[in-house]
Amino acid sequence: MTERKEEKVDNQYLKRFGTRLKELKKESGLSYRKIATNCDIDYANIKMYEKGETNVRLLTIAELAKGYGKHPKKMLEFDWGDEYPQDEEEISKERVAQQEAYIERMEAESESRAVEYSNIISGLEKQSAEKEKEIKRLQK
């Protein structure tokens, strides 16, 4: 029974890896034959990896990386699910990106308020100048 569950989980990973290969193929604009030419893997096998039909060995991943013109690490950048802890580096990058976005929003809001306050001050100065003219006119 446990074997069956492991097989199903493995299939999920193989399908996710295959989806990642499809993404990389689309990004690169390469055909299966060109990818196969760039590495030592038959194009029919590459198709099977993309479909998640065949388990992939480490050396195969290294060869596929050559074929797609990517670093092997990029081949494994897909959603691994909730079974594994999140990558601390990715969490840090996400936090930094959120903080940068927050700072940009605050800066934009500050600039907007500065313009608004400047307009208010200009309006008050204009009113003040008009009042002074009115006072001088009345004093004559």
N, C-alpha and C. Protein backbone atom coordinates (compact mmCIF):
# COMPACT_ATOMS: atom_id res chain seq x y z
N MET A 1 0.82 -1.20 0.00
CA MET A 1 0.00 0.00 0.00
C MET A 1 0.86 1.26 0.00
N THR A 2 1.92 1.25 0.82
CA THR A 2 2.82 2.40 0.87
C THR A 2 3.50 2.60 -0.48
N GLU A 3 3.84 1.50 -1.13
CA GLU A 3 4.48 1.57 -2.43
C GLU A 3 3.63 2.34 -3.43
N ARG A 4 2.34 2.07 -3.42
CA ARG A 4 1.41 2.74 -4.33
C ARG A 4 1.40 4.24 -4.09
N LYS A 5 1.36 4.64 -2.82
CA LYS A 5 1.34 6.08 -2.49
C LYS A 5 2.63 6.74 -2.97
N GLU A 6 3.77 6.10 -2.72
CA GLU A 6 5.04 6.64 -3.17
C GLU A 6 5.07 6.79 -4.68
N GLU A 7 4.54 5.80 -5.39
CA GLU A 7 4.52 5.85 -6.85
C GLU A 7 3.68 7.04 -7.32
N LYS A 8 2.53 7.27 -6.67
CA LYS A 8 1.66 8.38 -7.04
C LYS A 8 2.37 9.71 -6.79
N VAL A 9 3.04 9.83 -5.64
CA VAL A 9 3.78 11.06 -5.32
C VAL A 9 4.89 11.27 -6.34
N ASP A 10 5.63 10.21 -6.65
CA ASP A 10 6.70 10.31 -7.63
C ASP A 10 6.15 10.78 -8.97
N ASN A 11 5.00 10.26 -9.37
CA ASN A 11 4.39 10.67 -10.63
C ASN A 11 4.08 12.16 -10.62
N GLN A 12 3.62 12.66 -9.47
CA GLN A 12 3.35 14.11 -9.37
C GLN A 12 4.62 14.90 -9.63
N TYR A 13 5.71 14.47 -9.04
CA TYR A 13 6.98 15.18 -9.23
C TYR A 13 7.44 15.08 -10.67
N LEU A 14 7.28 13.90 -11.26
CA LEU A 14 7.68 13.72 -12.65
C LEU A 14 6.83 14.61 -13.56
N LYS A 15 5.55 14.71 -13.28
CA LYS A 15 4.66 15.58 -14.08
C LYS A 15 5.07 17.04 -13.90
N ARG A 16 5.37 17.43 -12.67
CA ARG A 16 5.79 18.82 -12.42
C ARG A 16 7.12 19.12 -13.11
N PHE A 17 8.02 18.15 -13.06
CA PHE A 17 9.30 18.32 -13.75
C PHE A 17 9.06 18.44 -15.25
N GLY A 18 8.17 17.61 -15.78
CA GLY A 18 7.83 17.68 -17.20
C GLY A 18 7.24 19.02 -17.58
N THR A 19 6.38 19.56 -16.71
CA THR A 19 5.81 20.88 -16.95
C THR A 19 6.92 21.92 -16.98
N ARG A 20 7.88 21.77 -16.08
CA ARG A 20 9.02 22.71 -16.05
C ARG A 20 9.81 22.62 -17.36
N LEU A 21 10.01 21.41 -17.86
CA LEU A 21 10.73 21.25 -19.12
C LEU A 21 9.97 21.94 -20.26
N LYS A 22 8.65 21.81 -20.27
CA LYS A 22 7.84 22.47 -21.30
C LYS A 22 8.00 23.99 -21.22
N GLU A 23 8.02 24.51 -19.99
CA GLU A 23 8.21 25.96 -19.81
C GLU A 23 9.56 26.40 -20.37
N LEU A 24 10.60 25.62 -20.04
CA LEU A 24 11.95 25.96 -20.51
C LEU A 24 12.04 25.85 -22.03
N LYS A 25 11.36 24.87 -22.61
CA LYS A 25 11.36 24.71 -24.06
C LYS A 25 10.71 25.93 -24.71
N LYS A 26 9.59 26.34 -24.14
CA LYS A 26 8.88 27.51 -24.68
C LYS A 26 9.75 28.77 -24.56
N GLU A 27 10.38 28.94 -23.39
CA GLU A 27 11.27 30.10 -23.18
C GLU A 27 12.41 30.12 -24.20
N SER A 28 12.99 28.96 -24.43
CA SER A 28 14.16 28.89 -25.30
C SER A 28 13.80 29.00 -26.77
N GLY A 29 12.58 28.60 -27.12
CA GLY A 29 12.18 28.61 -28.52
C GLY A 29 12.83 27.49 -29.33
N LEU A 30 13.39 26.51 -28.65
CA LEU A 30 14.08 25.41 -29.32
C LEU A 30 13.12 24.26 -29.63
N SER A 31 13.40 23.54 -30.70
CA SER A 31 12.63 22.34 -31.04
C SER A 31 13.21 21.17 -30.25
N TYR A 32 12.45 20.06 -30.22
CA TYR A 32 12.96 18.86 -29.54
C TYR A 32 14.26 18.39 -30.18
N ARG A 33 14.31 18.45 -31.49
CA ARG A 33 15.52 17.98 -32.19
C ARG A 33 16.73 18.87 -31.88
N LYS A 34 16.50 20.18 -31.76
CA LYS A 34 17.61 21.09 -31.43
C LYS A 34 18.08 20.85 -30.00
N ILE A 35 17.13 20.65 -29.08
CA ILE A 35 17.51 20.35 -27.70
C ILE A 35 18.33 19.06 -27.67
N ALA A 36 17.86 18.04 -28.42
CA ALA A 36 18.57 16.76 -28.47
C ALA A 36 19.96 16.92 -29.06
N THR A 37 20.09 17.81 -30.05
CA THR A 37 21.39 18.07 -30.67
C THR A 37 22.34 18.70 -29.67
N ASN A 38 21.80 19.52 -28.77
CA ASN A 38 22.63 20.22 -27.78
C ASN A 38 23.08 19.32 -26.64
N CYS A 39 22.46 18.15 -26.52
CA CYS A 39 22.84 17.25 -25.42
C CYS A 39 22.86 15.81 -25.95
N ASP A 40 23.12 14.90 -25.07
CA ASP A 40 23.25 13.49 -25.46
C ASP A 40 21.99 12.71 -25.08
N ILE A 41 20.82 13.24 -25.48
CA ILE A 41 19.54 12.58 -25.18
C ILE A 41 18.70 12.60 -26.45
N ASP A 42 18.10 11.48 -26.77
CA ASP A 42 17.24 11.38 -27.95
C ASP A 42 15.99 12.24 -27.76
N TYR A 43 15.53 12.87 -28.83
CA TYR A 43 14.38 13.78 -28.72
C TYR A 43 13.13 13.06 -28.25
N ALA A 44 12.98 11.77 -28.59
CA ALA A 44 11.81 11.00 -28.13
C ALA A 44 11.83 10.85 -26.61
N ASN A 45 13.01 10.69 -26.04
CA ASN A 45 13.12 10.60 -24.58
C ASN A 45 12.79 11.95 -23.93
N ILE A 46 13.20 13.03 -24.57
CA ILE A 46 12.89 14.35 -24.03
C ILE A 46 11.37 14.53 -23.95
N LYS A 47 10.68 14.08 -24.98
CA LYS A 47 9.21 14.15 -24.98
C LYS A 47 8.63 13.35 -23.82
N MET A 48 9.20 12.17 -23.55
CA MET A 48 8.71 11.33 -22.45
C MET A 48 8.95 12.02 -21.10
N TYR A 49 10.10 12.70 -20.96
CA TYR A 49 10.37 13.43 -19.71
C TYR A 49 9.36 14.56 -19.54
N GLU A 50 9.04 15.24 -20.63
CA GLU A 50 8.06 16.33 -20.56
C GLU A 50 6.68 15.83 -20.17
N LYS A 51 6.35 14.63 -20.58
CA LYS A 51 5.04 14.07 -20.23
C LYS A 51 5.03 13.48 -18.82
N GLY A 52 6.21 13.39 -18.19
CA GLY A 52 6.28 12.82 -16.85
C GLY A 52 6.15 11.32 -16.86
N GLU A 53 6.51 10.69 -17.96
CA GLU A 53 6.35 9.25 -18.12
C GLU A 53 7.58 8.46 -17.66
N THR A 54 8.70 9.12 -17.53
CA THR A 54 9.95 8.43 -17.23
C THR A 54 10.67 9.13 -16.09
N ASN A 55 11.17 8.33 -15.16
CA ASN A 55 11.93 8.90 -14.06
C ASN A 55 13.24 9.46 -14.59
N VAL A 56 13.72 10.50 -13.99
CA VAL A 56 14.90 11.20 -14.46
C VAL A 56 16.05 11.02 -13.47
N ARG A 57 17.20 10.68 -13.98
CA ARG A 57 18.39 10.54 -13.14
C ARG A 57 19.14 11.87 -13.11
N LEU A 58 20.01 12.03 -12.15
CA LEU A 58 20.79 13.26 -12.01
C LEU A 58 21.59 13.56 -13.26
N LEU A 59 22.24 12.56 -13.81
CA LEU A 59 23.03 12.77 -15.02
C LEU A 59 22.15 13.20 -16.19
N THR A 60 20.92 12.71 -16.22
CA THR A 60 19.98 13.09 -17.27
C THR A 60 19.62 14.57 -17.12
N ILE A 61 19.39 14.99 -15.88
CA ILE A 61 19.08 16.40 -15.63
C ILE A 61 20.23 17.29 -16.10
N ALA A 62 21.45 16.85 -15.83
CA ALA A 62 22.63 17.62 -16.26
C ALA A 62 22.68 17.71 -17.79
N GLU A 63 22.38 16.61 -18.47
CA GLU A 63 22.37 16.62 -19.94
C GLU A 63 21.23 17.49 -20.47
N LEU A 64 20.06 17.37 -19.87
CA LEU A 64 18.92 18.19 -20.29
C LEU A 64 19.25 19.67 -20.15
N ALA A 65 19.93 20.02 -19.09
CA ALA A 65 20.31 21.42 -18.87
C ALA A 65 21.16 21.92 -20.04
N LYS A 66 22.07 21.09 -20.50
CA LYS A 66 22.88 21.47 -21.68
C LYS A 66 21.97 21.67 -22.89
N GLY A 67 21.04 20.75 -23.06
CA GLY A 67 20.14 20.82 -24.20
C GLY A 67 19.30 22.09 -24.22
N TYR A 68 18.80 22.47 -23.05
CA TYR A 68 17.95 23.66 -22.95
C TYR A 68 18.77 24.94 -22.80
N GLY A 69 20.09 24.77 -22.59
CA GLY A 69 20.96 25.95 -22.41
C GLY A 69 20.73 26.63 -21.08
N LYS A 70 20.46 25.84 -20.04
CA LYS A 70 20.19 26.37 -18.70
C LYS A 70 21.12 25.72 -17.69
N HIS A 71 21.22 26.34 -16.54
CA HIS A 71 21.95 25.74 -15.42
C HIS A 71 21.09 24.61 -14.87
N PRO A 72 21.69 23.50 -14.47
CA PRO A 72 20.89 22.38 -13.95
C PRO A 72 19.93 22.78 -12.82
N LYS A 73 20.35 23.73 -12.02
CA LYS A 73 19.50 24.20 -10.92
C LYS A 73 18.16 24.72 -11.44
N LYS A 74 18.17 25.36 -12.60
CA LYS A 74 16.95 25.90 -13.19
C LYS A 74 15.96 24.80 -13.57
N MET A 75 16.48 23.63 -13.85
CA MET A 75 15.62 22.53 -14.26
C MET A 75 14.70 22.09 -13.11
N LEU A 76 15.16 22.29 -11.89
CA LEU A 76 14.42 21.81 -10.72
C LEU A 76 13.61 22.90 -10.04
N GLU A 77 13.51 24.06 -10.66
CA GLU A 77 12.75 25.16 -10.08
C GLU A 77 11.28 25.04 -10.48
N PHE A 78 10.57 24.20 -9.75
CA PHE A 78 9.13 24.05 -9.95
C PHE A 78 8.49 23.83 -8.58
N ASP A 79 7.18 23.84 -8.52
CA ASP A 79 6.45 23.69 -7.27
C ASP A 79 6.58 22.25 -6.77
N TRP A 80 7.25 22.10 -5.65
CA TRP A 80 7.46 20.78 -5.06
C TRP A 80 6.33 20.42 -4.10
N GLY A 81 5.41 21.31 -3.88
CA GLY A 81 4.29 21.03 -2.98
C GLY A 81 4.61 21.41 -1.55
N ASP A 82 3.68 21.07 -0.68
CA ASP A 82 3.79 21.45 0.73
C ASP A 82 4.58 20.45 1.58
N GLU A 83 5.03 19.38 0.96
CA GLU A 83 5.72 18.34 1.72
C GLU A 83 7.13 18.75 2.16
N TYR A 84 7.66 19.77 1.52
CA TYR A 84 9.02 20.20 1.82
C TYR A 84 8.99 21.60 2.41
N PRO A 85 9.94 21.89 3.31
CA PRO A 85 9.98 23.26 3.86
C PRO A 85 10.33 24.26 2.76
N GLN A 86 9.85 25.47 2.94
CA GLN A 86 10.16 26.51 1.97
C GLN A 86 11.64 26.85 2.00
N ASP A 87 12.14 27.26 0.86
CA ASP A 87 13.53 27.65 0.72
C ASP A 87 13.73 29.01 1.39
N GLU A 88 14.63 29.05 2.36
CA GLU A 88 14.86 30.28 3.13
C GLU A 88 15.30 31.44 2.24
N GLU A 89 16.10 31.17 1.24
CA GLU A 89 16.57 32.22 0.33
C GLU A 89 15.38 32.82 -0.43
N GLU A 90 14.48 31.96 -0.88
CA GLU A 90 13.30 32.44 -1.59
C GLU A 90 12.39 33.25 -0.67
N ILE A 91 12.26 32.81 0.57
CA ILE A 91 11.45 33.55 1.54
C ILE A 91 12.06 34.93 1.75
N SER A 92 13.38 34.99 1.90
CA SER A 92 14.06 36.27 2.09
C SER A 92 13.87 37.19 0.89
N LYS A 93 14.02 36.64 -0.32
CA LYS A 93 13.82 37.43 -1.53
C LYS A 93 12.40 37.97 -1.60
N GLU A 94 11.44 37.14 -1.23
CA GLU A 94 10.04 37.55 -1.26
C GLU A 94 9.80 38.68 -0.26
N ARG A 95 10.38 38.56 0.92
CA ARG A 95 10.23 39.62 1.93
C ARG A 95 10.86 40.93 1.47
N VAL A 96 12.03 40.84 0.88
CA VAL A 96 12.70 42.04 0.37
C VAL A 96 11.85 42.69 -0.72
N ALA A 97 11.31 41.87 -1.61
CA ALA A 97 10.46 42.40 -2.68
C ALA A 97 9.22 43.08 -2.11
N GLN A 98 8.64 42.48 -1.08
CA GLN A 98 7.46 43.09 -0.45
C GLN A 98 7.83 44.42 0.21
N GLN A 99 8.98 44.46 0.89
CA GLN A 99 9.42 45.69 1.54
C GLN A 99 9.71 46.78 0.50
N GLU A 100 10.35 46.40 -0.60
CA GLU A 100 10.64 47.37 -1.65
C GLU A 100 9.35 47.92 -2.25
N ALA A 101 8.38 47.04 -2.46
CA ALA A 101 7.09 47.49 -3.00
C ALA A 101 6.40 48.44 -2.03
N TYR A 102 6.49 48.12 -0.74
CA TYR A 102 5.89 48.99 0.28
C TYR A 102 6.57 50.36 0.28
N ILE A 103 7.89 50.38 0.20
CA ILE A 103 8.64 51.64 0.19
C ILE A 103 8.26 52.46 -1.05
N GLU A 104 8.15 51.81 -2.19
CA GLU A 104 7.75 52.51 -3.42
C GLU A 104 6.36 53.13 -3.28
N ARG A 105 5.44 52.36 -2.68
CA ARG A 105 4.09 52.90 -2.47
C ARG A 105 4.12 54.11 -1.54
N MET A 106 4.90 54.02 -0.46
CA MET A 106 5.00 55.13 0.49
C MET A 106 5.63 56.36 -0.15
N GLU A 107 6.67 56.13 -0.98
CA GLU A 107 7.30 57.25 -1.67
C GLU A 107 6.34 57.92 -2.63
N ALA A 108 5.59 57.10 -3.37
CA ALA A 108 4.61 57.65 -4.31
C ALA A 108 3.53 58.43 -3.56
N GLU A 109 3.10 57.88 -2.43
CA GLU A 109 2.08 58.56 -1.61
C GLU A 109 2.64 59.87 -1.05
N SER A 110 3.90 59.86 -0.62
CA SER A 110 4.53 61.07 -0.09
C SER A 110 4.62 62.14 -1.18
N GLU A 111 5.02 61.72 -2.37
CA GLU A 111 5.11 62.67 -3.48
C GLU A 111 3.74 63.26 -3.79
N SER A 112 2.74 62.41 -3.78
CA SER A 112 1.38 62.85 -4.06
C SER A 112 0.92 63.85 -3.00
N ARG A 113 1.21 63.56 -1.74
CA ARG A 113 0.84 64.47 -0.66
C ARG A 113 1.62 65.78 -0.75
N ALA A 114 2.90 65.70 -1.13
CA ALA A 114 3.71 66.91 -1.26
C ALA A 114 3.11 67.82 -2.33
N VAL A 115 2.69 67.26 -3.44
CA VAL A 115 2.06 68.04 -4.51
C VAL A 115 0.75 68.64 -3.99
N GLU A 116 -0.02 67.82 -3.28
CA GLU A 116 -1.30 68.29 -2.73
C GLU A 116 -1.06 69.45 -1.75
N TYR A 117 -0.11 69.29 -0.85
CA TYR A 117 0.19 70.36 0.12
C TYR A 117 0.72 71.61 -0.57
N SER A 118 1.53 71.41 -1.61
CA SER A 118 2.06 72.54 -2.36
C SER A 118 0.93 73.32 -3.01
N ASN A 119 -0.04 72.60 -3.55
CA ASN A 119 -1.20 73.26 -4.15
C ASN A 119 -2.02 74.01 -3.11
N ILE A 120 -2.17 73.41 -1.93
CA ILE A 120 -2.91 74.07 -0.85
C ILE A 120 -2.19 75.34 -0.43
N ILE A 121 -0.88 75.27 -0.27
CA ILE A 121 -0.09 76.44 0.14
C ILE A 121 -0.18 77.53 -0.92
N SER A 122 -0.07 77.13 -2.20
CA SER A 122 -0.19 78.12 -3.29
C SER A 122 -1.55 78.80 -3.24
N GLY A 123 -2.59 78.01 -3.00
CA GLY A 123 -3.94 78.57 -2.89
C GLY A 123 -4.06 79.53 -1.72
N LEU A 124 -3.47 79.17 -0.59
CA LEU A 124 -3.52 80.05 0.59
C LEU A 124 -2.73 81.33 0.35
N GLU A 125 -1.56 81.20 -0.31
CA GLU A 125 -0.76 82.39 -0.62
C GLU A 125 -1.53 83.33 -1.55
N LYS A 126 -2.22 82.73 -2.51
CA LYS A 126 -3.02 83.52 -3.45
C LYS A 126 -4.14 84.26 -2.70
N GLN A 127 -4.82 83.53 -1.81
CA GLN A 127 -5.89 84.14 -1.01
C GLN A 127 -5.34 85.26 -0.14
N SER A 128 -4.17 85.00 0.44
CA SER A 128 -3.55 86.01 1.31
C SER A 128 -3.21 87.27 0.51
N ALA A 129 -2.66 87.08 -0.69
CA ALA A 129 -2.31 88.23 -1.54
C ALA A 129 -3.57 89.01 -1.92
N GLU A 130 -4.64 88.30 -2.21
CA GLU A 130 -5.90 88.95 -2.56
C GLU A 130 -6.46 89.73 -1.36
N LYS A 131 -6.32 89.14 -0.17
CA LYS A 131 -6.81 89.82 1.04
C LYS A 131 -6.00 91.09 1.30
N GLU A 132 -4.68 91.01 1.09
CA GLU A 132 -3.83 92.20 1.28
C GLU A 132 -4.23 93.31 0.32
N LYS A 133 -4.49 92.94 -0.93
CA LYS A 133 -4.93 93.93 -1.93
C LYS A 133 -6.26 94.55 -1.49
N GLU A 134 -7.15 93.71 -0.99
CA GLU A 134 -8.48 94.17 -0.53
C GLU A 134 -8.32 95.15 0.64
N ILE A 135 -7.42 94.80 1.57
CA ILE A 135 -7.18 95.65 2.74
C ILE A 135 -6.61 97.00 2.29
N LYS A 136 -5.62 97.00 1.39
CA LYS A 136 -5.02 98.22 0.89
C LYS A 136 -6.06 99.06 0.17
N ARG A 137 -6.92 98.45 -0.58
CA ARG A 137 -7.96 99.15 -1.31
C ARG A 137 -8.93 99.81 -0.31
N LEU A 138 -9.27 99.09 0.74
CA LEU A 138 -10.20 99.64 1.72
C LEU A 138 -9.57 100.76 2.54
N GLN A 139 -8.26 100.71 2.73
CA GLN A 139 -7.56 101.72 3.51
C GLN A 139 -7.45 103.04 2.76
N LYS A 140 -7.61 103.06 1.49
CA LYS A 140 -7.48 104.29 0.70
C LYS A 140 -8.66 105.14 0.80
